[in-house]
Amino acid sequence: MNRVILVTGGAGYIGSHVCKALAQAGAVPICYDTLEKGHDWAVKWGPLERGDVGDAARLDDVCRRHRPTGVIHLAGYIEVGESVRQPERYLHNNAVKTDVLIAAALRHGIEAFVFSSTCAVYGIPQTDLLSETHRIAPISPYAESKARVEGALTAAAGRGLRAASLRYFNAAGADADGEIGEAHDPETHLLPLAADAALGLGPPLTLLGTDYPTPDGSCIRDFVHVTDLAQAHLKALAWLAATANAGVHEVFNLGSGAGYSVRQAIAETARSAGAAVPHEIGPRRAGDPPKLVGDITKAQRDLGWRPARELAVQIEDTLRWRRAMPRRR
């Protein structure tokens, strides 16, 4: 893959893994990041261009100098609970600013645009497995912001943009080489919080809700390794390059196709860590559906993508990374 790819949010958790995968495949990742949420230490495989996706002039400058043939758009706010408290902030940052990026991609003749979307766009599941044909009914401003971008990409496809939206389920794990991993501040994701609690590196985990209509009362989620996710972005770029349509926008689920409850994930973390996961019970988090498990048939068929790292590996990689975290801050 001898290409230059602009990776917005490339200094973040998923973005840094995408940059590494691109570099390993022979591409040049241009990390475009404000560093508001990302980390300069995670930029290892290409140049860093500091900038906001809502800054048209800065985007034009970066595109003129580096001449990217593709964009992988991962920049954005990601905390569901915060989005409920600050809806306009999320809609502006995630959706309005992305309109500026899409316009820049069209101006500069970008050949492929891969968007980091979310399974949260489906809202409350109406089926046991969520396929891409499920209705779009977001129940949080975060999910609404992602759905709006998907709509904007569909419109842009009518103007010739070739785009793919990747609807992630729960990203987890860390780089097997220990070079990068999840380092949010504050951290809100289950596996790193459980790992920190087990390792004595953080406070007890708060289990958000035990009265869901699930077998053990806790939410059920589909966890997918971040390295598998990174590979999916490369597959999506290749698919867009091969498709014959002048303008196209397709959506793909990225998950494992299997569901685990929060209690199961806690138990597996304890087993892998060799220590209990101290935790307390808290109320449900606003905007959280009881169950989210993906049907990944389309990504397997059309992209040739298959996740390779199961939950136990995700947890082991998370534990190894969290042990190293104090030395990286």
C-alpha atoms as a PDB file:
ATOM      1  CA  MET A   1       0.000   0.000   0.000  1.00  0.00           C
ATOM      2  CA  ASN A   2       2.286   2.751  -1.308  1.00  0.00           C
ATOM      3  CA  ARG A   3      -0.056   5.621  -0.420  1.00  0.00           C
ATOM      4  CA  VAL A   4      -0.259   8.716   1.753  1.00  0.00           C
ATOM      5  CA  ILE A   5      -3.247   8.580   4.118  1.00  0.00           C
ATOM      6  CA  LEU A   6      -4.493  11.439   6.292  1.00  0.00           C
ATOM      7  CA  VAL A   7      -5.514  10.001   9.672  1.00  0.00           C
ATOM      8  CA  THR A   8      -7.544  12.432  11.752  1.00  0.00           C
ATOM      9  CA  GLY A   9      -7.329  11.590  15.434  1.00  0.00           C
ATOM     10  CA  GLY A  10      -4.199   9.594  14.656  1.00  0.00           C
ATOM     11  CA  ALA A  11      -2.702  10.303  18.090  1.00  0.00           C
ATOM     12  CA  GLY A  12      -5.617   8.621  19.843  1.00  0.00           C
ATOM     13  CA  TYR A  13      -6.287   5.042  20.903  1.00  0.00           C
ATOM     14  CA  ILE A  14      -7.661   3.564  17.693  1.00  0.00           C
ATOM     15  CA  GLY A  15      -5.958   6.134  15.477  1.00  0.00           C
ATOM     16  CA  SER A  16      -2.450   5.233  16.625  1.00  0.00           C
ATOM     17  CA  HIS A  17      -3.115   1.551  15.949  1.00  0.00           C
ATOM     18  CA  VAL A  18      -4.400   2.469  12.479  1.00  0.00           C
ATOM     19  CA  CYS A  19      -1.242   4.497  11.812  1.00  0.00           C
ATOM     20  CA  LYS A  20       0.937   1.551  12.811  1.00  0.00           C
ATOM     21  CA  ALA A  21      -1.016  -0.823  10.571  1.00  0.00           C
ATOM     22  CA  LEU A  22      -0.740   1.598   7.642  1.00  0.00           C
ATOM     23  CA  ALA A  23       3.023   1.954   8.093  1.00  0.00           C
ATOM     24  CA  GLN A  24       3.456  -1.819   8.315  1.00  0.00           C
ATOM     25  CA  ALA A  25       1.554  -2.095   5.026  1.00  0.00           C
ATOM     26  CA  GLY A  26       3.902   0.397   3.318  1.00  0.00           C
ATOM     27  CA  ALA A  27       1.699   3.489   3.492  1.00  0.00           C
ATOM     28  CA  VAL A  28       2.606   6.866   4.971  1.00  0.00           C
ATOM     29  CA  PRO A  29       0.133   7.911   7.698  1.00  0.00           C
ATOM     30  CA  ILE A  30      -0.173  11.662   8.258  1.00  0.00           C
ATOM     31  CA  CYS A  31      -1.433  12.076  11.815  1.00  0.00           C
ATOM     32  CA  TYR A  32      -3.768  15.087  11.970  1.00  0.00           C
ATOM     33  CA  ASP A  33      -4.669  15.759  15.592  1.00  0.00           C
ATOM     34  CA  THR A  34      -5.262  18.650  17.993  1.00  0.00           C
ATOM     35  CA  LEU A  35      -3.727  16.593  20.840  1.00  0.00           C
ATOM     36  CA  GLU A  36      -6.695  17.639  22.966  1.00  0.00           C
ATOM     37  CA  LYS A  37      -7.405  13.962  23.587  1.00  0.00           C
ATOM     38  CA  GLY A  38      -4.487  12.303  21.784  1.00  0.00           C
ATOM     39  CA  HIS A  39      -0.843  11.889  22.832  1.00  0.00           C
ATOM     40  CA  ASP A  40       2.315  12.939  21.050  1.00  0.00           C
ATOM     41  CA  TRP A  41       4.069   9.788  22.306  1.00  0.00           C
ATOM     42  CA  ALA A  42       1.605   7.726  20.255  1.00  0.00           C
ATOM     43  CA  VAL A  43       2.730   9.340  16.972  1.00  0.00           C
ATOM     44  CA  LYS A  44       5.480   6.983  15.841  1.00  0.00           C
ATOM     45  CA  TRP A  45       4.856   6.017  12.222  1.00  0.00           C
ATOM     46  CA  GLY A  46       4.515   9.272  10.307  1.00  0.00           C
ATOM     47  CA  PRO A  47       4.515  13.040  10.718  1.00  0.00           C
ATOM     48  CA  LEU A  48       2.253  14.877  13.129  1.00  0.00           C
ATOM     49  CA  GLU A  49       0.243  17.801  11.778  1.00  0.00           C
ATOM     50  CA  ARG A  50      -1.535  19.615  14.588  1.00  0.00           C
ATOM     51  CA  GLY A  51      -4.919  20.871  13.497  1.00  0.00           C
ATOM     52  CA  ASP A  52      -8.675  20.769  13.917  1.00  0.00           C
ATOM     53  CA  VAL A  53     -10.916  19.006  11.402  1.00  0.00           C
ATOM     54  CA  GLY A  54     -13.120  22.095  11.466  1.00  0.00           C
ATOM     55  CA  ASP A  55     -10.264  24.331  10.213  1.00  0.00           C
ATOM     56  CA  ALA A  56     -10.652  24.443   6.423  1.00  0.00           C
ATOM     57  CA  ALA A  57      -7.525  26.530   5.830  1.00  0.00           C
ATOM     58  CA  ARG A  58      -5.350  24.179   7.878  1.00  0.00           C
ATOM     59  CA  LEU A  59      -6.770  21.142   6.085  1.00  0.00           C
ATOM     60  CA  ASP A  60      -6.069  22.757   2.707  1.00  0.00           C
ATOM     61  CA  ASP A  61      -2.478  23.450   3.725  1.00  0.00           C
ATOM     62  CA  VAL A  62      -1.885  19.876   4.919  1.00  0.00           C
ATOM     63  CA  CYS A  63      -3.527  18.356   1.841  1.00  0.00           C
ATOM     64  CA  ARG A  64      -1.527  20.549  -0.555  1.00  0.00           C
ATOM     65  CA  ARG A  65       1.771  19.619   1.087  1.00  0.00           C
ATOM     66  CA  HIS A  66       1.215  15.889   1.651  1.00  0.00           C
ATOM     67  CA  ARG A  67      -1.225  15.109  -1.193  1.00  0.00           C
ATOM     68  CA  PRO A  68      -3.065  12.256   0.576  1.00  0.00           C
ATOM     69  CA  THR A  69      -5.042   9.826  -1.547  1.00  0.00           C
ATOM     70  CA  GLY A  70      -7.215   8.715   1.354  1.00  0.00           C
ATOM     71  CA  VAL A  71      -8.661   9.948   4.649  1.00  0.00           C
ATOM     72  CA  ILE A  72      -9.350   7.838   7.726  1.00  0.00           C
ATOM     73  CA  HIS A  73     -11.466   9.986  10.017  1.00  0.00           C
ATOM     74  CA  LEU A  74     -11.269   9.020  13.698  1.00  0.00           C
ATOM     75  CA  ALA A  75     -11.209  12.438  15.383  1.00  0.00           C
ATOM     76  CA  GLY A  76     -14.118  13.166  17.700  1.00  0.00           C
ATOM     77  CA  TYR A  77     -15.502  13.083  21.197  1.00  0.00           C
ATOM     78  CA  ILE A  78     -16.534   9.614  22.370  1.00  0.00           C
ATOM     79  CA  GLU A  79     -18.073   9.718  25.855  1.00  0.00           C
ATOM     80  CA  VAL A  80     -21.759   8.801  25.774  1.00  0.00           C
ATOM     81  CA  GLY A  81     -22.545  10.147  29.236  1.00  0.00           C
ATOM     82  CA  GLU A  82     -20.816  13.454  28.559  1.00  0.00           C
ATOM     83  CA  SER A  83     -22.733  13.801  25.299  1.00  0.00           C
ATOM     84  CA  VAL A  84     -26.014  13.585  27.205  1.00  0.00           C
ATOM     85  CA  ARG A  85     -24.856  16.456  29.426  1.00  0.00           C
ATOM     86  CA  GLN A  86     -23.385  18.509  26.559  1.00  0.00           C
ATOM     87  CA  PRO A  87     -25.315  17.578  23.404  1.00  0.00           C
ATOM     88  CA  GLU A  88     -24.566  20.698  21.343  1.00  0.00           C
ATOM     89  CA  ARG A  89     -20.842  20.380  22.010  1.00  0.00           C
ATOM     90  CA  TYR A  90     -20.873  16.820  20.662  1.00  0.00           C
ATOM     91  CA  LEU A  91     -22.982  17.606  17.630  1.00  0.00           C
ATOM     92  CA  HIS A  92     -20.765  20.549  16.715  1.00  0.00           C
ATOM     93  CA  ASN A  93     -17.444  18.802  17.259  1.00  0.00           C
ATOM     94  CA  ASN A  94     -18.352  15.457  15.742  1.00  0.00           C
ATOM     95  CA  ALA A  95     -20.809  16.367  12.984  1.00  0.00           C
ATOM     96  CA  VAL A  96     -20.505  20.039  12.010  1.00  0.00           C
ATOM     97  CA  LYS A  97     -16.707  19.932  11.906  1.00  0.00           C
ATOM     98  CA  THR A  98     -16.773  16.730   9.867  1.00  0.00           C
ATOM     99  CA  ASP A  99     -18.748  18.591   7.196  1.00  0.00           C
ATOM    100  CA  VAL A 100     -15.661  20.789   6.810  1.00  0.00           C
ATOM    101  CA  LEU A 101     -13.435  17.724   6.441  1.00  0.00           C
ATOM    102  CA  ILE A 102     -15.747  16.148   3.848  1.00  0.00           C
ATOM    103  CA  ALA A 103     -15.713  19.381   1.847  1.00  0.00           C
ATOM    104  CA  ALA A 104     -11.901  19.380   1.952  1.00  0.00           C
ATOM    105  CA  ALA A 105     -11.799  15.775   0.762  1.00  0.00           C
ATOM    106  CA  LEU A 106     -13.973  16.698  -2.217  1.00  0.00           C
ATOM    107  CA  ARG A 107     -11.865  19.786  -3.024  1.00  0.00           C
ATOM    108  CA  HIS A 108      -8.634  17.819  -3.006  1.00  0.00           C
ATOM    109  CA  GLY A 109      -9.872  14.813  -4.952  1.00  0.00           C
ATOM    110  CA  ILE A 110      -9.480  12.329  -2.095  1.00  0.00           C
ATOM    111  CA  GLU A 111     -10.027   8.855  -3.519  1.00  0.00           C
ATOM    112  CA  ALA A 112     -11.208   7.097  -0.343  1.00  0.00           C
ATOM    113  CA  PHE A 113     -12.803   8.284   2.908  1.00  0.00           C
ATOM    114  CA  VAL A 114     -13.127   5.853   5.822  1.00  0.00           C
ATOM    115  CA  PHE A 115     -15.196   7.026   8.773  1.00  0.00           C
ATOM    116  CA  SER A 116     -15.068   5.822  12.376  1.00  0.00           C
ATOM    117  CA  SER A 117     -18.752   5.328  13.198  1.00  0.00           C
ATOM    118  CA  THR A 118     -20.440   3.337  15.954  1.00  0.00           C
ATOM    119  CA  CYS A 119     -22.981   0.618  16.589  1.00  0.00           C
ATOM    120  CA  ALA A 120     -24.711   3.124  18.875  1.00  0.00           C
ATOM    121  CA  VAL A 121     -26.474   4.546  15.800  1.00  0.00           C
ATOM    122  CA  TYR A 122     -28.860   1.565  16.002  1.00  0.00           C
ATOM    123  CA  GLY A 123     -30.275   2.614  19.364  1.00  0.00           C
ATOM    124  CA  ILE A 124     -32.306  -0.042  21.172  1.00  0.00           C
ATOM    125  CA  PRO A 125     -31.821  -3.316  19.247  1.00  0.00           C
ATOM    126  CA  GLN A 126     -34.900  -4.773  17.616  1.00  0.00           C
ATOM    127  CA  THR A 127     -33.114  -8.035  16.739  1.00  0.00           C
ATOM    128  CA  ASP A 128     -30.740 -10.363  18.567  1.00  0.00           C
ATOM    129  CA  LEU A 129     -27.889  -9.600  16.147  1.00  0.00           C
ATOM    130  CA  LEU A 130     -27.570  -6.119  14.663  1.00  0.00           C
ATOM    131  CA  SER A 131     -27.060  -6.034  10.913  1.00  0.00           C
ATOM    132  CA  GLU A 132     -26.439  -2.976   8.767  1.00  0.00           C
ATOM    133  CA  THR A 133     -30.091  -3.049   7.664  1.00  0.00           C
ATOM    134  CA  HIS A 134     -31.325  -2.393  11.225  1.00  0.00           C
ATOM    135  CA  ARG A 135     -33.080   0.941  11.615  1.00  0.00           C
ATOM    136  CA  ILE A 136     -31.045   3.971  12.665  1.00  0.00           C
ATOM    137  CA  ALA A 137     -32.479   5.292  15.943  1.00  0.00           C
ATOM    138  CA  PRO A 138     -29.739   6.818  18.141  1.00  0.00           C
ATOM    139  CA  ILE A 139     -30.603   7.439  21.780  1.00  0.00           C
ATOM    140  CA  SER A 140     -27.639   9.646  22.734  1.00  0.00           C
ATOM    141  CA  PRO A 141     -26.202  12.855  21.233  1.00  0.00           C
ATOM    142  CA  TYR A 142     -22.938  10.972  20.658  1.00  0.00           C
ATOM    143  CA  ALA A 143     -24.722   8.402  18.501  1.00  0.00           C
ATOM    144  CA  GLU A 144     -26.750  11.121  16.799  1.00  0.00           C
ATOM    145  CA  SER A 145     -23.541  12.934  15.844  1.00  0.00           C
ATOM    146  CA  LYS A 146     -22.220   9.786  14.178  1.00  0.00           C
ATOM    147  CA  ALA A 147     -25.503   9.162  12.361  1.00  0.00           C
ATOM    148  CA  ARG A 148     -25.417  12.713  11.014  1.00  0.00           C
ATOM    149  CA  VAL A 149     -21.946  12.166   9.579  1.00  0.00           C
ATOM    150  CA  GLU A 150     -23.109   8.970   7.891  1.00  0.00           C
ATOM    151  CA  GLY A 151     -25.911  10.978   6.305  1.00  0.00           C
ATOM    152  CA  ALA A 152     -23.443  13.628   5.141  1.00  0.00           C
ATOM    153  CA  LEU A 153     -21.260  10.938   3.546  1.00  0.00           C
ATOM    154  CA  THR A 154     -24.252   9.539   1.674  1.00  0.00           C
ATOM    155  CA  ALA A 155     -24.904  13.022   0.315  1.00  0.00           C
ATOM    156  CA  ALA A 156     -21.229  13.481  -0.586  1.00  0.00           C
ATOM    157  CA  ALA A 157     -21.243  10.190  -2.474  1.00  0.00           C
ATOM    158  CA  GLY A 158     -23.675  11.884  -4.835  1.00  0.00           C
ATOM    159  CA  ARG A 159     -20.862  14.354  -5.557  1.00  0.00           C
ATOM    160  CA  GLY A 160     -18.336  11.609  -6.241  1.00  0.00           C
ATOM    161  CA  LEU A 161     -16.916  10.788  -2.798  1.00  0.00           C
ATOM    162  CA  ARG A 162     -16.048   7.136  -2.182  1.00  0.00           C
ATOM    163  CA  ALA A 163     -16.683   6.414   1.485  1.00  0.00           C
ATOM    164  CA  ALA A 164     -17.110   3.629   4.007  1.00  0.00           C
ATOM    165  CA  SER A 165     -18.506   4.017   7.523  1.00  0.00           C
ATOM    166  CA  LEU A 166     -17.245   1.439   9.993  1.00  0.00           C
ATOM    167  CA  ARG A 167     -19.691   0.882  12.826  1.00  0.00           C
ATOM    168  CA  TYR A 168     -17.499  -0.244  15.708  1.00  0.00           C
ATOM    169  CA  PHE A 169     -18.774  -2.272  18.578  1.00  0.00           C
ATOM    170  CA  ASN A 170     -16.578  -2.109  21.731  1.00  0.00           C
ATOM    171  CA  ALA A 171     -12.914  -1.505  20.903  1.00  0.00           C
ATOM    172  CA  ALA A 172     -10.610  -3.169  23.404  1.00  0.00           C
ATOM    173  CA  GLY A 173      -7.096  -4.488  23.923  1.00  0.00           C
ATOM    174  CA  ALA A 174      -3.750  -2.931  23.072  1.00  0.00           C
ATOM    175  CA  ASP A 175      -0.808  -3.303  20.712  1.00  0.00           C
ATOM    176  CA  ALA A 176       0.844  -6.696  21.170  1.00  0.00           C
ATOM    177  CA  ASP A 177       4.298  -5.062  21.035  1.00  0.00           C
ATOM    178  CA  GLY A 178       3.418  -2.783  23.947  1.00  0.00           C
ATOM    179  CA  GLU A 179       4.092   0.406  21.967  1.00  0.00           C
ATOM    180  CA  ILE A 180       0.630   1.958  22.219  1.00  0.00           C
ATOM    181  CA  GLY A 181      -2.637   1.427  24.022  1.00  0.00           C
ATOM    182  CA  GLU A 182      -5.677   3.043  25.557  1.00  0.00           C
ATOM    183  CA  ALA A 183      -4.881   6.197  27.551  1.00  0.00           C
ATOM    184  CA  HIS A 184      -8.025   8.282  27.873  1.00  0.00           C
ATOM    185  CA  ASP A 185      -8.352  10.948  30.529  1.00  0.00           C
ATOM    186  CA  PRO A 186     -10.748  10.353  32.091  1.00  0.00           C
ATOM    187  CA  GLU A 187     -10.987   6.669  31.238  1.00  0.00           C
ATOM    188  CA  THR A 188     -14.564   5.482  30.735  1.00  0.00           C
ATOM    189  CA  HIS A 189     -14.156   2.098  29.039  1.00  0.00           C
ATOM    190  CA  LEU A 190     -14.836  -1.139  30.863  1.00  0.00           C
ATOM    191  CA  LEU A 191     -11.732  -3.261  30.268  1.00  0.00           C
ATOM    192  CA  PRO A 192      -9.050  -0.698  31.237  1.00  0.00           C
ATOM    193  CA  LEU A 193     -11.066   0.331  34.285  1.00  0.00           C
ATOM    194  CA  ALA A 194     -11.450  -3.311  35.320  1.00  0.00           C
ATOM    195  CA  ALA A 195      -7.759  -3.933  34.703  1.00  0.00           C
ATOM    196  CA  ASP A 196      -6.722  -0.933  36.799  1.00  0.00           C
ATOM    197  CA  ALA A 197      -8.976  -2.048  39.644  1.00  0.00           C
ATOM    198  CA  ALA A 198      -7.547  -5.575  39.591  1.00  0.00           C
ATOM    199  CA  LEU A 199      -3.960  -4.322  39.445  1.00  0.00           C
ATOM    200  CA  GLY A 200      -4.444  -1.782  42.214  1.00  0.00           C
ATOM    201  CA  LEU A 201      -3.736   1.071  39.800  1.00  0.00           C
ATOM    202  CA  GLY A 202      -7.158   2.662  40.095  1.00  0.00           C
ATOM    203  CA  PRO A 203     -10.277   2.801  42.239  1.00  0.00           C
ATOM    204  CA  PRO A 204     -12.897   0.062  42.341  1.00  0.00           C
ATOM    205  CA  LEU A 205     -14.813  -0.323  39.109  1.00  0.00           C
ATOM    206  CA  THR A 206     -18.379   0.955  39.035  1.00  0.00           C
ATOM    207  CA  LEU A 207     -20.732  -1.518  37.383  1.00  0.00           C
ATOM    208  CA  LEU A 208     -23.274   0.744  35.692  1.00  0.00           C
ATOM    209  CA  GLY A 209     -26.609  -0.975  36.109  1.00  0.00           C
ATOM    210  CA  THR A 210     -27.566  -4.491  37.191  1.00  0.00           C
ATOM    211  CA  ASP A 211     -31.270  -4.358  36.326  1.00  0.00           C
ATOM    212  CA  TYR A 212     -31.094  -4.729  32.553  1.00  0.00           C
ATOM    213  CA  PRO A 213     -33.227  -7.453  30.885  1.00  0.00           C
ATOM    214  CA  THR A 214     -30.212  -9.742  30.439  1.00  0.00           C
ATOM    215  CA  PRO A 215     -29.330 -13.095  32.091  1.00  0.00           C
ATOM    216  CA  ASP A 216     -27.183 -11.518  34.829  1.00  0.00           C
ATOM    217  CA  GLY A 217     -28.675  -8.005  34.820  1.00  0.00           C
ATOM    218  CA  SER A 218     -25.619  -6.277  33.354  1.00  0.00           C
ATOM    219  CA  CYS A 219     -25.221  -4.921  29.829  1.00  0.00           C
ATOM    220  CA  ILE A 220     -24.125  -7.274  27.063  1.00  0.00           C
ATOM    221  CA  ARG A 221     -21.502  -5.985  24.663  1.00  0.00           C
ATOM    222  CA  ASP A 222     -19.523  -7.156  21.635  1.00  0.00           C
ATOM    223  CA  PHE A 223     -15.789  -6.592  22.187  1.00  0.00           C
ATOM    224  CA  VAL A 224     -13.340  -6.367  19.269  1.00  0.00           C
ATOM    225  CA  HIS A 225      -9.567  -6.035  19.486  1.00  0.00           C
ATOM    226  CA  VAL A 226      -8.183  -2.652  18.448  1.00  0.00           C
ATOM    227  CA  THR A 227      -5.569  -4.317  16.224  1.00  0.00           C
ATOM    228  CA  ASP A 228      -8.325  -6.167  14.367  1.00  0.00           C
ATOM    229  CA  LEU A 229     -10.151  -2.852  13.997  1.00  0.00           C
ATOM    230  CA  ALA A 230      -7.030  -1.239  12.559  1.00  0.00           C
ATOM    231  CA  GLN A 231      -6.771  -3.953   9.927  1.00  0.00           C
ATOM    232  CA  ALA A 232     -10.396  -3.362   8.969  1.00  0.00           C
ATOM    233  CA  HIS A 233      -9.554   0.227   8.013  1.00  0.00           C
ATOM    234  CA  LEU A 234      -6.923  -1.004   5.579  1.00  0.00           C
ATOM    235  CA  LYS A 235      -9.421  -3.485   4.173  1.00  0.00           C
ATOM    236  CA  ALA A 236     -11.931  -0.666   3.716  1.00  0.00           C
ATOM    237  CA  LEU A 237      -9.377   1.466   1.850  1.00  0.00           C
ATOM    238  CA  ALA A 238      -8.624  -1.461  -0.457  1.00  0.00           C
ATOM    239  CA  TRP A 239     -12.336  -2.107  -1.014  1.00  0.00           C
ATOM    240  CA  LEU A 240     -12.944   1.536  -1.938  1.00  0.00           C
ATOM    241  CA  ALA A 241     -10.005   1.463  -4.343  1.00  0.00           C
ATOM    242  CA  ALA A 242     -11.405  -1.643  -6.040  1.00  0.00           C
ATOM    243  CA  THR A 243     -15.057  -0.628  -6.275  1.00  0.00           C
ATOM    244  CA  ALA A 244     -16.141   0.563  -9.699  1.00  0.00           C
ATOM    245  CA  ASN A 245     -18.608   3.215  -8.511  1.00  0.00           C
ATOM    246  CA  ALA A 246     -17.533   6.841  -8.957  1.00  0.00           C
ATOM    247  CA  GLY A 247     -19.338   7.774  -5.763  1.00  0.00           C
ATOM    248  CA  VAL A 248     -20.315   5.311  -3.044  1.00  0.00           C
ATOM    249  CA  HIS A 249     -21.039   5.154   0.666  1.00  0.00           C
ATOM    250  CA  GLU A 250     -21.336   1.777   2.376  1.00  0.00           C
ATOM    251  CA  VAL A 251     -21.572   0.866   6.051  1.00  0.00           C
ATOM    252  CA  PHE A 252     -19.961  -2.115   7.771  1.00  0.00           C
ATOM    253  CA  ASN A 253     -20.286  -3.540  11.275  1.00  0.00           C
ATOM    254  CA  LEU A 254     -17.004  -4.279  13.028  1.00  0.00           C
ATOM    255  CA  GLY A 255     -17.321  -6.559  16.036  1.00  0.00           C
ATOM    256  CA  SER A 256     -16.726 -10.152  17.029  1.00  0.00           C
ATOM    257  CA  GLY A 257     -20.260 -11.395  16.471  1.00  0.00           C
ATOM    258  CA  ALA A 258     -20.398 -12.591  20.086  1.00  0.00           C
ATOM    259  CA  GLY A 259     -21.743 -10.925  23.229  1.00  0.00           C
ATOM    260  CA  TYR A 260     -20.348 -10.874  26.763  1.00  0.00           C
ATOM    261  CA  SER A 261     -21.970  -9.292  29.782  1.00  0.00           C
ATOM    262  CA  VAL A 262     -20.157  -6.763  31.925  1.00  0.00           C
ATOM    263  CA  ARG A 263     -20.129  -9.321  34.752  1.00  0.00           C
ATOM    264  CA  GLN A 264     -18.534 -11.896  32.437  1.00  0.00           C
ATOM    265  CA  ALA A 265     -15.860  -9.399  31.396  1.00  0.00           C
ATOM    266  CA  ILE A 266     -15.132  -8.633  35.048  1.00  0.00           C
ATOM    267  CA  ALA A 267     -14.806 -12.340  35.826  1.00  0.00           C
ATOM    268  CA  GLU A 268     -12.453 -12.898  32.876  1.00  0.00           C
ATOM    269  CA  THR A 269     -10.321  -9.925  33.943  1.00  0.00           C
ATOM    270  CA  ALA A 270     -10.020 -11.371  37.450  1.00  0.00           C
ATOM    271  CA  ARG A 271      -9.020 -14.750  36.047  1.00  0.00           C
ATOM    272  CA  SER A 272      -6.363 -13.272  33.762  1.00  0.00           C
ATOM    273  CA  ALA A 273      -5.002 -10.883  36.404  1.00  0.00           C
ATOM    274  CA  GLY A 274      -4.984 -13.523  39.118  1.00  0.00           C
ATOM    275  CA  ALA A 275      -6.732 -11.051  41.399  1.00  0.00           C
ATOM    276  CA  ALA A 276     -10.269  -9.963  42.137  1.00  0.00           C
ATOM    277  CA  VAL A 277     -11.697  -6.898  40.416  1.00  0.00           C
ATOM    278  CA  PRO A 278     -12.974  -4.652  43.237  1.00  0.00           C
ATOM    279  CA  HIS A 279     -16.241  -3.131  42.094  1.00  0.00           C
ATOM    280  CA  GLU A 280     -19.375  -1.424  43.291  1.00  0.00           C
ATOM    281  CA  ILE A 281     -22.838  -1.126  41.809  1.00  0.00           C
ATOM    282  CA  GLY A 282     -23.969   2.135  40.271  1.00  0.00           C
ATOM    283  CA  PRO A 283     -27.027   3.321  38.343  1.00  0.00           C
ATOM    284  CA  ARG A 284     -27.486   2.810  34.646  1.00  0.00           C
ATOM    285  CA  ARG A 285     -25.667   5.250  32.382  1.00  0.00           C
ATOM    286  CA  ALA A 286     -27.967   7.366  30.245  1.00  0.00           C
ATOM    287  CA  GLY A 287     -27.960   6.307  26.605  1.00  0.00           C
ATOM    288  CA  ASP A 288     -26.855   2.697  27.180  1.00  0.00           C
ATOM    289  CA  PRO A 289     -28.919  -0.045  25.457  1.00  0.00           C
ATOM    290  CA  PRO A 290     -29.131  -3.417  27.283  1.00  0.00           C
ATOM    291  CA  LYS A 291     -27.476  -5.408  24.508  1.00  0.00           C
ATOM    292  CA  LEU A 292     -25.334  -4.613  21.465  1.00  0.00           C
ATOM    293  CA  VAL A 293     -23.980  -7.527  19.440  1.00  0.00           C
ATOM    294  CA  GLY A 294     -23.100  -7.246  15.777  1.00  0.00           C
ATOM    295  CA  ASP A 295     -23.737  -9.309  12.696  1.00  0.00           C
ATOM    296  CA  ILE A 296     -20.391  -8.993  10.879  1.00  0.00           C
ATOM    297  CA  THR A 297     -21.305 -11.039   7.812  1.00  0.00           C
ATOM    298  CA  LYS A 298     -21.072  -8.061   5.460  1.00  0.00           C
ATOM    299  CA  ALA A 299     -17.550  -7.066   6.534  1.00  0.00           C
ATOM    300  CA  GLN A 300     -16.445 -10.681   6.261  1.00  0.00           C
ATOM    301  CA  ARG A 301     -17.943 -11.054   2.783  1.00  0.00           C
ATOM    302  CA  ASP A 302     -17.162  -7.707   1.174  1.00  0.00           C
ATOM    303  CA  LEU A 303     -14.009  -6.562   2.977  1.00  0.00           C
ATOM    304  CA  GLY A 304     -12.519  -9.991   3.600  1.00  0.00           C
ATOM    305  CA  TRP A 305     -12.084  -8.998   7.249  1.00  0.00           C
ATOM    306  CA  ARG A 306     -12.279 -11.362  10.205  1.00  0.00           C
ATOM    307  CA  PRO A 307     -11.441 -10.580  13.837  1.00  0.00           C
ATOM    308  CA  ALA A 308      -8.672 -12.819  15.132  1.00  0.00           C
ATOM    309  CA  ARG A 309      -8.287 -11.916  18.816  1.00  0.00           C
ATOM    310  CA  GLU A 310     -10.945 -13.087  21.283  1.00  0.00           C
ATOM    311  CA  LEU A 311     -11.926 -11.471  24.583  1.00  0.00           C
ATOM    312  CA  ALA A 312      -9.289 -13.304  26.642  1.00  0.00           C
ATOM    313  CA  VAL A 313      -6.532 -11.903  24.412  1.00  0.00           C
ATOM    314  CA  GLN A 314      -8.044  -8.434  24.582  1.00  0.00           C
ATOM    315  CA  ILE A 315      -7.982  -8.562  28.367  1.00  0.00           C
ATOM    316  CA  GLU A 316      -4.430  -9.939  28.527  1.00  0.00           C
ATOM    317  CA  ASP A 317      -3.194  -7.162  26.228  1.00  0.00           C
ATOM    318  CA  THR A 318      -5.080  -4.574  28.281  1.00  0.00           C
ATOM    319  CA  LEU A 319      -3.530  -5.797  31.527  1.00  0.00           C
ATOM    320  CA  ARG A 320      -0.022  -5.749  30.066  1.00  0.00           C
ATOM    321  CA  TRP A 321      -0.517  -2.213  28.754  1.00  0.00           C
ATOM    322  CA  ARG A 322      -2.023  -0.853  31.977  1.00  0.00           C
ATOM    323  CA  ARG A 323       0.940  -2.203  33.954  1.00  0.00           C
ATOM    324  CA  ALA A 324       3.212  -0.063  31.739  1.00  0.00           C
ATOM    325  CA  MET A 325       1.002   3.034  31.803  1.00  0.00           C
ATOM    326  CA  PRO A 326       2.583   4.862  34.800  1.00  0.00           C
ATOM    327  CA  ARG A 327       5.899   4.994  32.937  1.00  0.00           C
ATOM    328  CA  ARG A 328       4.223   6.507  29.873  1.00  0.00           C
ATOM    329  CA  ARG A 329       2.469   9.445  31.472  1.00  0.00           C
END
